[in-house]
Amino acid sequence: MSTLSIGLLGAGRIGTVHAEAIAATDATRLVAVADAFADPARDLAERHECEVRSVDEVIASDDVDAVLIATPTDLHAEQIEAAALAGKAVFCEKPIDLDVERVRACLEVVTEVGTPLMVGFNRRFDPSFAAVRRQIDEGAIGDVEMVTIISRDPGPPPVSYMERSGGLFKDMTIHDFDMARFLLGEAPVTVHAVGSVLVDRAIAEVPDVDSAAVTMVTASGRIAQISNSRRAVYGYDQRIEVHGSGGMARADNMHATTIEVASASGYRRDPLMDFFLERYMPSYRAEIEAFASDVLAGRPPRPTGDDGLQALLLAEAATRSNAEGRPVAISEI
């Protein structure tokens, strides 16, 4: 098999992104789309010249090698299990579920069946972030000591979205928890999180926070710090820095262009990219390429289901830490 035939569950915004990534990848082919709403499914299928099928039909189809799950979070675990039991490789958007025990039960099914499962932490595939990890692996900065992650959105999503998102730590920071693990090279064992409502008082009624800081420590003492905000008036702020015994590596923000203008009034650059799809579109393509390459070669794809679980454990610890005003050990979760 030289081409991976994919059935897509979910024709919303992120499903559309994945459909475009599949179309841009030589080793993948979009066979069918399923969605609870007929119009988005039909429109996406027409755009990519594939069929509209039901979720059950996609999972059972003989011409589907892999199922890509981009449906609402509360459907992920059930659909992973169904696809796994049908013998399909699975790519699932984060998170697998908002409940830790439900994720563990789902992964037991995946392990028992032996199906390939990749969780969509796309930021690992961002060219700049991946380059930082390569510098770490090549020993350019020595032993990792501290990781700093800044992740700030231009503005908050609708309150109606936040009401079902699981909270900032499980919805937004979960990407940063995975990135921290990716860069630290060790699993954090304690989490201390503080959160506030500084952007929109309506978010407090969810209840949720819109601004947060998290500090994590590994067993050997390595430290990771995360800064989150739902409001950055200057654009989509995405930066990482890794400090080590022999130096430092960092990835800065992406601007609309690299042009810089100097005048008597100072230096001026184009603004930052202001939407996650613009900033991270190359990463979505790269993760689909990696998924197809691994599945076709018979390798376990990464990030794994366990990576999804570990990021959720950190998110759960952060949620508890913020609520209780104390550091929380991962062993408590």
Protein backbone atom coordinates (compact mmCIF):
# COMPACT_ATOMS: atom_id res chain seq x y z
CA MET A 1 0.00 0.00 0.00
CA SER A 2 1.56 3.29 -1.13
CA THR A 3 -1.40 5.58 -0.45
CA LEU A 4 -3.37 5.92 2.77
CA SER A 5 -7.11 6.26 2.14
CA ILE A 6 -8.70 8.40 4.85
CA GLY A 7 -12.29 8.86 6.02
CA LEU A 8 -12.89 12.18 7.76
CA LEU A 9 -15.33 12.53 10.66
CA GLY A 10 -16.24 16.18 11.12
CA ALA A 11 -16.57 18.86 8.43
CA GLY A 12 -16.22 21.91 10.66
CA ARG A 13 -13.31 24.34 10.79
CA ILE A 14 -10.64 21.88 11.93
CA GLY A 15 -12.04 19.12 9.72
CA THR A 16 -11.73 21.45 6.74
CA VAL A 17 -8.10 22.16 7.69
CA HIS A 18 -7.35 18.44 7.78
CA ALA A 19 -9.10 17.87 4.46
CA GLU A 20 -6.83 20.49 2.88
CA ALA A 21 -3.78 18.85 4.46
CA ILE A 22 -4.82 15.43 3.14
CA ALA A 23 -5.26 16.90 -0.34
CA ALA A 24 -1.79 18.49 -0.17
CA THR A 25 -0.09 15.22 0.82
CA ASP A 26 0.97 12.82 -1.94
CA ALA A 27 0.63 9.72 0.25
CA THR A 28 -2.96 10.39 1.35
CA ARG A 29 -6.36 10.39 -0.33
CA LEU A 30 -9.65 11.62 1.13
CA VAL A 31 -12.29 8.96 0.45
CA ALA A 32 -15.32 10.14 2.42
CA VAL A 33 -16.60 12.81 4.81
CA ALA A 34 -19.18 12.45 7.59
CA ASP A 35 -20.78 15.19 9.63
CA ALA A 36 -23.92 15.64 11.71
CA PHE A 37 -24.86 18.54 9.42
CA ALA A 38 -25.53 17.74 5.78
CA ASP A 39 -24.50 21.02 4.16
CA PRO A 40 -20.90 21.25 5.49
CA ALA A 41 -20.32 17.58 4.66
CA ARG A 42 -21.65 18.01 1.13
CA ASP A 43 -19.65 21.19 0.51
CA LEU A 44 -16.40 19.65 1.74
CA ALA A 45 -16.98 16.44 -0.21
CA GLU A 46 -17.65 18.37 -3.41
CA ARG A 47 -14.51 20.44 -2.91
CA HIS A 48 -12.37 17.33 -2.56
CA GLU A 49 -14.29 15.07 -4.95
CA CYS A 50 -15.13 12.40 -2.39
CA GLU A 51 -18.30 10.86 -0.96
CA VAL A 52 -20.56 11.84 1.90
CA ARG A 53 -21.20 8.91 4.24
CA SER A 54 -22.47 8.42 7.75
CA VAL A 55 -20.02 8.00 10.62
CA ASP A 56 -20.82 4.28 10.84
CA GLU A 57 -20.38 3.88 7.09
CA VAL A 58 -16.99 5.59 7.12
CA ILE A 59 -15.75 3.39 9.96
CA ALA A 60 -17.02 0.20 8.30
CA SER A 61 -15.92 1.04 4.74
CA ASP A 62 -13.50 -1.39 3.11
CA ASP A 63 -11.94 1.43 1.06
CA VAL A 64 -10.99 3.41 4.20
CA ASP A 65 -7.58 2.60 5.73
CA ALA A 66 -7.60 5.29 8.40
CA VAL A 67 -10.17 7.44 10.19
CA LEU A 68 -9.43 11.06 11.03
CA ILE A 69 -11.58 12.28 13.92
CA ALA A 70 -12.35 16.01 13.98
CA THR A 71 -15.73 15.86 15.70
CA PRO A 72 -16.74 17.46 19.04
CA THR A 73 -14.60 16.28 21.96
CA ASP A 74 -17.35 14.28 23.67
CA LEU A 75 -17.45 11.94 20.65
CA HIS A 76 -13.72 11.30 20.33
CA ALA A 77 -13.24 8.31 22.65
CA GLU A 78 -16.28 6.44 21.35
CA GLN A 79 -15.22 6.97 17.73
CA ILE A 80 -11.61 5.98 18.42
CA GLU A 81 -12.81 2.71 19.91
CA ALA A 82 -15.20 2.01 17.03
CA ALA A 83 -12.53 2.72 14.41
CA ALA A 84 -9.95 0.65 16.27
CA LEU A 85 -12.31 -2.32 16.53
CA ALA A 86 -12.96 -1.97 12.79
CA GLY A 87 -9.25 -2.34 12.13
CA LYS A 88 -8.60 1.25 11.05
CA ALA A 89 -5.62 3.41 11.86
CA VAL A 90 -6.79 6.48 13.78
CA PHE A 91 -5.81 10.13 13.87
CA CYS A 92 -7.75 12.05 16.54
CA GLU A 93 -7.77 15.73 17.31
CA LYS A 94 -6.87 16.60 20.91
CA PRO A 95 -8.11 15.81 23.47
CA ILE A 96 -9.19 12.18 23.45
CA ASP A 97 -11.70 13.12 26.15
CA LEU A 98 -11.96 15.61 28.99
CA ASP A 99 -12.14 12.84 31.62
CA VAL A 100 -8.92 11.06 32.55
CA GLU A 101 -10.56 7.71 33.32
CA ARG A 102 -12.46 7.74 30.03
CA VAL A 103 -9.18 8.29 28.20
CA ARG A 104 -7.55 5.42 30.05
CA ALA A 105 -10.44 3.10 29.15
CA CYS A 106 -10.23 4.15 25.50
CA LEU A 107 -6.50 3.52 25.35
CA GLU A 108 -7.01 0.06 26.81
CA VAL A 109 -9.18 -0.78 23.79
CA VAL A 110 -6.60 0.68 21.39
CA THR A 111 -3.79 -1.29 23.03
CA GLU A 112 -5.76 -4.53 23.05
CA VAL A 113 -6.62 -4.19 19.35
CA GLY A 114 -3.17 -2.94 18.42
CA THR A 115 -4.37 -0.19 16.11
CA PRO A 116 -2.12 2.80 15.30
CA LEU A 117 -3.35 5.95 17.08
CA MET A 118 -1.99 9.46 16.66
CA VAL A 119 -3.22 12.43 18.70
CA GLY A 120 -3.25 15.81 16.95
CA PHE A 121 -0.78 17.92 18.86
CA ASN A 122 0.14 19.77 15.69
CA ARG A 123 2.58 22.20 17.30
CA ARG A 124 5.21 19.47 17.52
CA PHE A 125 5.27 19.69 13.72
CA ASP A 126 5.66 23.46 13.50
CA PRO A 127 8.92 23.93 11.53
CA SER A 128 10.41 26.36 14.07
CA PHE A 129 9.40 24.40 17.17
CA ALA A 130 10.61 21.15 15.59
CA ALA A 131 13.94 22.85 14.79
CA VAL A 132 14.35 23.77 18.47
CA ARG A 133 13.81 20.13 19.41
CA ARG A 134 16.45 19.07 16.85
CA GLN A 135 18.94 21.47 18.43
CA ILE A 136 18.25 19.87 21.80
CA ASP A 137 18.69 16.37 20.35
CA GLU A 138 21.96 17.38 18.69
CA GLY A 139 23.34 18.70 22.00
CA ALA A 140 23.62 22.30 20.82
CA ILE A 141 22.48 23.74 24.17
CA GLY A 142 23.68 21.00 26.50
CA ASP A 143 21.35 19.54 29.09
CA VAL A 144 17.89 21.12 29.19
CA GLU A 145 17.31 23.08 32.40
CA MET A 146 14.37 25.44 31.80
CA VAL A 147 11.59 25.70 29.21
CA THR A 148 9.51 28.84 28.74
CA ILE A 149 6.34 28.83 26.64
CA ILE A 150 4.27 31.91 25.81
CA SER A 151 0.90 31.24 24.18
CA ARG A 152 -1.60 34.10 23.92
CA ASP A 153 -4.64 34.34 21.68
CA PRO A 154 -5.67 37.60 19.96
CA GLY A 155 -9.09 37.35 21.63
CA PRO A 156 -11.29 34.89 23.52
CA PRO A 157 -13.64 32.46 21.81
CA PRO A 158 -17.39 32.80 22.42
CA VAL A 159 -18.53 32.09 25.97
CA SER A 160 -20.82 29.40 24.52
CA TYR A 161 -17.69 27.57 23.34
CA MET A 162 -15.96 27.88 26.70
CA GLU A 163 -18.97 26.37 28.45
CA ARG A 164 -18.24 23.01 26.82
CA SER A 165 -14.46 23.28 26.34
CA GLY A 166 -13.42 21.82 29.69
CA GLY A 167 -11.74 25.05 30.77
CA LEU A 168 -8.65 26.96 29.66
CA PHE A 169 -6.19 24.37 30.95
CA LYS A 170 -7.81 21.48 29.03
CA ASP A 171 -8.67 23.49 25.93
CA MET A 172 -5.83 25.97 25.40
CA THR A 173 -2.96 25.12 27.74
CA ILE A 174 -3.11 21.43 26.81
CA HIS A 175 -1.11 22.26 23.66
CA ASP A 176 1.52 23.90 25.85
CA PHE A 177 1.58 20.96 28.26
CA ASP A 178 2.39 18.68 25.35
CA MET A 179 5.01 21.11 24.05
CA ALA A 180 6.61 21.29 27.50
CA ARG A 181 6.90 17.49 27.59
CA PHE A 182 8.23 17.52 24.02
CA LEU A 183 11.00 19.98 24.93
CA LEU A 184 11.83 18.96 28.50
CA GLY A 185 12.59 15.37 27.64
CA GLU A 186 11.19 14.40 31.04
CA ALA A 187 7.72 14.19 32.51
CA PRO A 188 6.74 16.91 35.01
CA VAL A 189 5.83 15.52 38.42
CA THR A 190 4.33 18.65 40.02
CA VAL A 191 2.18 21.44 38.62
CA HIS A 192 1.43 24.83 40.16
CA ALA A 193 -1.12 26.94 38.26
CA VAL A 194 -2.77 30.26 38.93
CA GLY A 195 -5.56 31.76 36.86
CA SER A 196 -7.52 34.98 36.71
CA VAL A 197 -10.32 36.60 34.75
CA LEU A 198 -8.79 39.75 33.30
CA VAL A 199 -10.23 39.84 29.78
CA ASP A 200 -14.00 39.29 30.05
CA ARG A 201 -15.95 39.04 33.31
CA ALA A 202 -18.53 36.83 31.56
CA ILE A 203 -15.89 34.09 31.47
CA ALA A 204 -16.02 33.93 35.28
CA GLU A 205 -19.64 32.80 35.01
CA VAL A 206 -18.69 29.71 32.92
CA PRO A 207 -16.78 29.28 35.31
CA ASP A 208 -13.35 29.59 33.71
CA VAL A 209 -10.26 31.80 33.59
CA ASP A 210 -8.82 33.74 30.67
CA SER A 211 -5.31 34.41 31.98
CA ALA A 212 -2.99 31.84 33.56
CA ALA A 213 0.56 31.05 34.57
CA VAL A 214 1.81 27.51 35.15
CA THR A 215 5.07 26.24 36.65
CA MET A 216 6.02 22.56 36.37
CA VAL A 217 8.97 20.63 37.76
CA THR A 218 10.33 17.24 36.67
CA ALA A 219 11.82 14.60 38.96
CA SER A 220 15.36 15.79 38.16
CA GLY A 221 14.44 19.43 38.80
CA ARG A 222 13.97 20.70 35.25
CA ILE A 223 11.48 23.59 35.17
CA ALA A 224 8.84 24.60 32.62
CA GLN A 225 6.90 27.85 32.71
CA ILE A 226 3.78 28.60 30.65
CA SER A 227 2.11 31.99 30.19
CA ASN A 228 -1.41 32.04 28.69
CA SER A 229 -3.85 34.81 27.88
CA ARG A 230 -7.06 34.95 25.87
CA ARG A 231 -6.17 38.51 24.78
CA ALA A 232 -3.11 39.76 22.94
CA VAL A 233 -4.03 43.00 21.13
CA TYR A 234 -0.87 42.79 18.99
CA GLY A 235 -1.65 39.38 17.43
CA TYR A 236 -1.24 35.65 17.98
CA ASP A 237 1.69 35.41 20.40
CA GLN A 238 3.48 32.06 20.17
CA ARG A 239 7.03 31.79 21.48
CA ILE A 240 9.21 29.13 23.07
CA GLU A 241 12.63 29.25 24.71
CA VAL A 242 14.75 26.38 26.01
CA HIS A 243 17.67 27.18 28.31
CA GLY A 244 20.35 24.56 28.80
CA SER A 245 23.72 23.98 30.41
CA GLY A 246 25.48 24.93 27.18
CA GLY A 247 23.28 27.64 25.73
CA MET A 248 19.76 28.55 24.67
CA ALA A 249 17.44 27.91 21.71
CA ARG A 250 14.27 29.82 20.97
CA ALA A 251 11.57 30.22 18.35
CA ASP A 252 10.04 33.66 17.93
CA ASN A 253 6.71 34.87 16.62
CA MET A 254 5.68 34.69 12.99
CA HIS A 255 4.92 37.98 11.23
CA ALA A 256 2.88 38.50 8.08
CA THR A 257 6.16 39.33 6.29
CA THR A 258 9.79 39.69 7.38
CA ILE A 259 10.02 43.31 6.18
CA GLU A 260 11.38 45.94 8.55
CA VAL A 261 11.19 49.68 7.88
CA ALA A 262 13.51 52.15 9.62
CA SER A 263 12.77 55.87 9.75
CA ALA A 264 13.32 58.86 11.99
CA SER A 265 10.46 57.65 14.18
CA GLY A 266 12.08 54.23 14.76
CA TYR A 267 11.76 50.69 13.44
CA ARG A 268 8.49 49.22 12.17
CA ARG A 269 7.60 45.64 11.27
CA ASP A 270 4.47 43.99 9.94
CA PRO A 271 2.07 42.73 12.63
CA LEU A 272 1.99 39.17 13.91
CA MET A 273 -0.19 36.58 12.26
CA ASP A 274 -3.49 36.88 14.09
CA PHE A 275 -5.14 33.48 13.69
CA PHE A 276 -4.02 29.98 14.65
CA LEU A 277 -4.77 28.57 11.20
CA GLU A 278 -2.44 31.08 9.52
CA ARG A 279 0.29 30.56 12.11
CA TYR A 280 0.15 26.79 12.22
CA MET A 281 -1.07 25.72 8.77
CA PRO A 282 2.32 24.19 7.80
CA SER A 283 2.21 22.10 10.98
CA TYR A 284 -1.17 20.59 10.06
CA ARG A 285 0.23 19.46 6.73
CA ALA A 286 3.38 18.10 8.34
CA GLU A 287 1.49 16.05 10.91
CA ILE A 288 -0.67 14.41 8.22
CA GLU A 289 2.48 13.58 6.26
CA ALA A 290 4.02 12.06 9.41
CA PHE A 291 0.85 10.08 10.20
CA ALA A 292 0.67 8.62 6.69
CA SER A 293 4.39 7.86 6.61
CA ASP A 294 4.30 6.04 9.94
CA VAL A 295 1.15 4.04 9.21
CA LEU A 296 2.31 3.02 5.72
CA ALA A 297 5.70 1.98 7.13
CA GLY A 298 4.17 0.06 10.04
CA ARG A 299 5.65 2.39 12.66
CA PRO A 300 3.71 3.63 15.71
CA PRO A 301 2.73 7.24 14.93
CA ARG A 302 3.57 10.05 17.34
CA PRO A 303 2.23 11.82 19.35
CA THR A 304 0.72 8.65 20.80
CA GLY A 305 -2.43 8.04 22.75
CA ASP A 306 -0.30 8.06 25.90
CA ASP A 307 1.01 11.51 24.96
CA GLY A 308 -2.62 12.60 24.87
CA LEU A 309 -3.22 11.09 28.30
CA GLN A 310 -0.11 12.68 29.83
CA ALA A 311 -1.06 16.15 28.56
CA LEU A 312 -4.55 15.71 30.01
CA LEU A 313 -3.09 14.66 33.37
CA LEU A 314 -1.11 17.90 33.44
CA ALA A 315 -4.23 19.86 32.51
CA GLU A 316 -6.21 18.15 35.25
CA ALA A 317 -3.45 18.88 37.76
CA ALA A 318 -3.38 22.53 36.69
CA THR A 319 -7.16 22.81 37.03
CA ARG A 320 -6.99 21.36 40.52
CA SER A 321 -3.98 23.50 41.47
CA ASN A 322 -5.73 26.70 40.45
CA ALA A 323 -8.92 25.72 42.27
CA GLU A 324 -7.17 24.69 45.48
CA GLY A 325 -4.35 27.24 45.52
CA ARG A 326 -1.52 24.75 45.87
CA PRO A 327 0.97 22.73 43.80
CA VAL A 328 -0.49 19.36 42.72
CA ALA A 329 1.53 16.20 42.17
CA ILE A 330 0.71 14.20 39.04
CA SER A 331 0.53 11.11 41.25
CA GLU A 332 -2.62 12.59 42.81
CA ILE A 333 -4.55 12.48 39.54
